[in-house]
Structures are given as structure tokens and as C-alpha cells.
N, C-alpha and C. Protein backbone atom coordinates (compact mmCIF):
# COMPACT_ATOMS: atom_id res chain seq x y z
N MET A 1 14.25 -29.50 8.33
CA MET A 1 14.59 -28.74 9.53
C MET A 1 14.87 -29.70 10.68
N LYS A 2 15.83 -29.33 11.48
CA LYS A 2 16.16 -30.16 12.63
C LYS A 2 15.11 -29.99 13.71
N PRO A 3 14.72 -31.08 14.37
CA PRO A 3 13.71 -30.97 15.44
C PRO A 3 14.32 -30.40 16.73
N ASN A 4 13.49 -29.73 17.50
CA ASN A 4 13.81 -29.23 18.85
C ASN A 4 14.89 -28.16 18.91
N ILE A 5 15.16 -27.43 17.82
CA ILE A 5 16.14 -26.34 17.90
C ILE A 5 15.51 -24.99 17.57
N HIS A 6 14.30 -24.98 17.04
CA HIS A 6 13.66 -23.73 16.64
C HIS A 6 12.74 -23.22 17.74
N PRO A 7 12.69 -21.89 17.94
CA PRO A 7 11.78 -21.35 18.97
C PRO A 7 10.33 -21.51 18.54
N GLU A 8 9.45 -21.48 19.51
CA GLU A 8 8.02 -21.65 19.24
C GLU A 8 7.47 -20.39 18.58
N TYR A 9 6.82 -20.56 17.45
CA TYR A 9 6.21 -19.45 16.72
C TYR A 9 4.72 -19.44 17.04
N ARG A 10 4.23 -18.32 17.56
CA ARG A 10 2.82 -18.23 17.96
C ARG A 10 2.37 -16.77 17.89
N ASP A 11 1.07 -16.54 18.01
CA ASP A 11 0.53 -15.18 18.05
C ASP A 11 0.84 -14.58 19.41
N VAL A 12 1.37 -13.32 19.39
CA VAL A 12 1.72 -12.62 20.62
C VAL A 12 1.03 -11.25 20.59
N LEU A 13 0.50 -10.83 21.74
CA LEU A 13 -0.14 -9.53 21.88
C LEU A 13 0.92 -8.52 22.30
N PHE A 14 1.17 -7.53 21.44
CA PHE A 14 2.11 -6.46 21.74
C PHE A 14 1.31 -5.21 22.11
N HIS A 15 1.74 -4.51 23.16
CA HIS A 15 1.07 -3.31 23.63
C HIS A 15 2.05 -2.15 23.55
N ASP A 16 1.76 -1.18 22.67
CA ASP A 16 2.55 0.04 22.56
C ASP A 16 2.07 0.98 23.65
N THR A 17 2.89 1.17 24.68
CA THR A 17 2.47 1.99 25.82
C THR A 17 2.46 3.47 25.51
N ALA A 18 3.20 3.92 24.49
CA ALA A 18 3.23 5.34 24.15
C ALA A 18 1.91 5.79 23.52
N SER A 19 1.32 4.94 22.67
CA SER A 19 0.07 5.32 22.01
C SER A 19 -1.12 4.48 22.47
N ASP A 20 -0.90 3.58 23.43
CA ASP A 20 -1.93 2.69 23.96
C ASP A 20 -2.62 1.91 22.84
N THR A 21 -1.81 1.29 21.99
CA THR A 21 -2.29 0.51 20.86
C THR A 21 -1.88 -0.95 21.06
N TYR A 22 -2.76 -1.86 20.65
CA TYR A 22 -2.49 -3.29 20.76
C TYR A 22 -2.35 -3.90 19.37
N PHE A 23 -1.39 -4.83 19.22
CA PHE A 23 -1.17 -5.56 17.97
C PHE A 23 -1.08 -7.04 18.28
N VAL A 24 -1.70 -7.87 17.47
CA VAL A 24 -1.52 -9.32 17.57
C VAL A 24 -0.74 -9.72 16.34
N ILE A 25 0.50 -10.18 16.58
CA ILE A 25 1.41 -10.52 15.49
C ILE A 25 2.07 -11.85 15.81
N GLY A 26 2.30 -12.65 14.81
CA GLY A 26 3.04 -13.89 14.98
C GLY A 26 4.48 -13.59 15.34
N SER A 27 4.99 -14.25 16.39
CA SER A 27 6.33 -13.94 16.87
C SER A 27 6.91 -15.12 17.63
N THR A 28 8.23 -15.09 17.80
CA THR A 28 8.91 -16.08 18.64
C THR A 28 9.38 -15.44 19.94
N ALA A 29 8.89 -14.25 20.26
CA ALA A 29 9.29 -13.54 21.47
C ALA A 29 8.91 -14.37 22.70
N ALA A 30 9.88 -14.53 23.60
CA ALA A 30 9.65 -15.30 24.82
C ALA A 30 9.11 -14.38 25.90
N THR A 31 7.97 -14.72 26.46
CA THR A 31 7.37 -13.92 27.53
C THR A 31 6.61 -14.84 28.48
N THR A 32 6.54 -14.42 29.73
CA THR A 32 5.81 -15.20 30.72
C THR A 32 4.45 -14.60 31.04
N GLN A 33 4.19 -13.37 30.60
CA GLN A 33 2.92 -12.70 30.87
C GLN A 33 1.89 -13.09 29.83
N THR A 34 0.62 -13.08 30.23
CA THR A 34 -0.47 -13.30 29.30
C THR A 34 -1.52 -12.20 29.51
N ALA A 35 -2.28 -11.94 28.46
CA ALA A 35 -3.35 -10.95 28.53
C ALA A 35 -4.47 -11.37 27.59
N GLU A 36 -5.68 -10.92 27.93
CA GLU A 36 -6.83 -11.26 27.10
C GLU A 36 -7.12 -10.10 26.16
N PHE A 37 -7.33 -10.43 24.88
CA PHE A 37 -7.61 -9.42 23.86
C PHE A 37 -8.65 -9.99 22.91
N GLU A 38 -9.77 -9.31 22.77
CA GLU A 38 -10.88 -9.72 21.90
C GLU A 38 -11.32 -11.16 22.17
N GLY A 39 -11.41 -11.52 23.46
CA GLY A 39 -11.94 -12.80 23.85
C GLY A 39 -10.95 -13.95 23.83
N LYS A 40 -9.69 -13.71 23.46
CA LYS A 40 -8.69 -14.77 23.44
C LYS A 40 -7.53 -14.38 24.36
N THR A 41 -6.86 -15.36 24.91
CA THR A 41 -5.71 -15.13 25.77
C THR A 41 -4.44 -15.33 24.95
N TYR A 42 -3.56 -14.33 24.99
CA TYR A 42 -2.31 -14.34 24.22
C TYR A 42 -1.12 -14.12 25.15
N PRO A 43 0.06 -14.58 24.76
CA PRO A 43 1.27 -14.13 25.44
C PRO A 43 1.37 -12.62 25.23
N TYR A 44 1.83 -11.88 26.25
CA TYR A 44 1.75 -10.42 26.26
C TYR A 44 3.14 -9.81 26.40
N MET A 45 3.42 -8.78 25.57
CA MET A 45 4.69 -8.08 25.64
C MET A 45 4.46 -6.59 25.42
N THR A 46 5.11 -5.74 26.22
CA THR A 46 4.96 -4.30 26.07
C THR A 46 6.09 -3.74 25.21
N LEU A 47 5.78 -2.65 24.50
CA LEU A 47 6.74 -1.96 23.65
C LEU A 47 6.76 -0.49 24.02
N ASP A 48 7.91 0.15 23.89
CA ASP A 48 7.99 1.59 24.11
C ASP A 48 7.63 2.35 22.84
N VAL A 49 8.04 1.83 21.68
CA VAL A 49 7.81 2.50 20.40
C VAL A 49 7.40 1.45 19.37
N SER A 50 6.40 1.79 18.57
CA SER A 50 5.99 0.93 17.46
C SER A 50 5.62 1.84 16.29
N SER A 51 5.09 1.25 15.23
CA SER A 51 4.69 2.06 14.08
C SER A 51 3.53 3.00 14.42
N ALA A 52 2.80 2.73 15.49
CA ALA A 52 1.69 3.59 15.89
C ALA A 52 2.15 4.85 16.62
N SER A 53 3.39 4.84 17.15
CA SER A 53 3.85 6.00 17.91
C SER A 53 5.16 6.60 17.40
N HIS A 54 5.85 5.93 16.49
CA HIS A 54 7.13 6.45 15.99
C HIS A 54 6.88 7.62 15.04
N PRO A 55 7.62 8.73 15.19
CA PRO A 55 7.38 9.92 14.36
C PRO A 55 7.52 9.67 12.86
N PHE A 56 8.38 8.76 12.45
CA PHE A 56 8.55 8.48 11.02
C PHE A 56 7.26 7.93 10.42
N TYR A 57 6.60 7.03 11.12
CA TYR A 57 5.40 6.39 10.60
C TYR A 57 4.14 7.22 10.81
N THR A 58 4.14 8.10 11.80
CA THR A 58 2.95 8.91 12.06
C THR A 58 2.96 10.21 11.26
N GLY A 59 4.07 10.53 10.58
CA GLY A 59 4.16 11.73 9.77
C GLY A 59 4.52 12.97 10.57
N LYS A 60 4.97 12.82 11.79
CA LYS A 60 5.31 13.96 12.62
C LYS A 60 6.82 14.20 12.71
N GLN A 61 7.58 13.50 11.87
CA GLN A 61 9.03 13.66 11.89
C GLN A 61 9.42 14.93 11.16
N HIS A 62 10.35 15.67 11.74
CA HIS A 62 10.85 16.90 11.13
C HIS A 62 12.14 16.59 10.40
N VAL A 63 12.21 16.97 9.14
CA VAL A 63 13.40 16.74 8.35
C VAL A 63 14.17 18.04 8.29
N THR A 64 15.44 17.99 8.69
CA THR A 64 16.27 19.18 8.61
C THR A 64 17.00 19.19 7.29
N LYS A 65 17.15 20.36 6.73
CA LYS A 65 17.82 20.47 5.44
C LYS A 65 19.31 20.67 5.69
N ASN A 66 20.12 19.81 5.11
CA ASN A 66 21.55 19.92 5.23
C ASN A 66 22.12 20.51 3.95
N ASP A 67 22.79 21.64 4.08
CA ASP A 67 23.43 22.25 2.92
C ASP A 67 24.76 21.56 2.64
N GLY A 68 25.16 21.60 1.39
CA GLY A 68 26.45 21.06 1.01
C GLY A 68 27.58 22.00 1.39
N ARG A 69 28.81 21.58 1.14
CA ARG A 69 29.98 22.40 1.52
C ARG A 69 30.00 23.72 0.76
N ILE A 70 29.67 23.70 -0.52
CA ILE A 70 29.70 24.93 -1.32
C ILE A 70 28.60 25.89 -0.87
N ALA A 71 27.41 25.38 -0.58
CA ALA A 71 26.32 26.23 -0.13
C ALA A 71 26.65 26.85 1.23
N LYS A 72 27.29 26.09 2.11
CA LYS A 72 27.69 26.64 3.41
C LYS A 72 28.72 27.75 3.23
N PHE A 73 29.68 27.54 2.33
CA PHE A 73 30.70 28.55 2.07
C PHE A 73 30.06 29.83 1.54
N ASN A 74 29.17 29.69 0.55
CA ASN A 74 28.51 30.86 -0.02
C ASN A 74 27.64 31.58 1.01
N LYS A 75 27.01 30.83 1.86
CA LYS A 75 26.17 31.42 2.90
C LYS A 75 27.03 32.18 3.92
N ARG A 76 28.17 31.61 4.26
CA ARG A 76 29.06 32.23 5.24
C ARG A 76 29.62 33.56 4.74
N PHE A 77 29.94 33.63 3.45
CA PHE A 77 30.56 34.83 2.90
C PHE A 77 29.58 35.67 2.08
N ASN A 78 28.28 35.44 2.26
CA ASN A 78 27.22 36.20 1.62
C ASN A 78 27.35 36.26 0.10
N ARG A 79 27.71 35.18 -0.49
CA ARG A 79 27.80 35.11 -1.96
C ARG A 79 26.46 34.68 -2.51
N LYS A 80 26.06 35.26 -3.59
CA LYS A 80 24.83 34.89 -4.28
C LYS A 80 25.16 33.82 -5.31
N SER A 81 24.32 32.83 -5.43
CA SER A 81 24.54 31.80 -6.45
C SER A 81 24.15 32.34 -7.81
N LYS A 82 24.83 31.84 -8.83
CA LYS A 82 24.59 32.34 -10.21
C LYS A 82 23.38 31.74 -10.83
């Protein structure tokens, strides 16, 4: 690897503001803020959405059923399927 071209990889404290959850994950995210978490000081970054608050990961996502073209046609003209 070439020296002095790679970003610094370190532990960063991420704060999901939607669910008020904190994560310490290794990252190259550049930030100037710091925060203390469990007795250690970490670079700090806020998030709007993470796996703790996203509907897909929390199981609160609603899946809509999409009918095919034939099913839509039959539904429109009140045809019963065989």
C-alpha cells in the first residue's frame, strides 16, 4: 500500500437521533466533534436513520402487494380466475 494516501481508520461513535441509539464502529468518517461513551472519548457523528430505526430492520415496514397485468385486467372486468 502506498503511504499517506489512505484515510485514518479508527473507532467512531455514531448516534442515531431517531431512536436515540449509540454505535461504536470502525470507520474512516471525518468529523471534528468528540463525545464520551462508556468511559472513552470517540470521534462523534450523528445519523438520521440506522438499523435501529429503519422500518426494514425493525420489522415495521409495510409491503404492498402488486398484482400482475392479467390480475389487474381480471379485477377490472370482474372476471373470476379458473
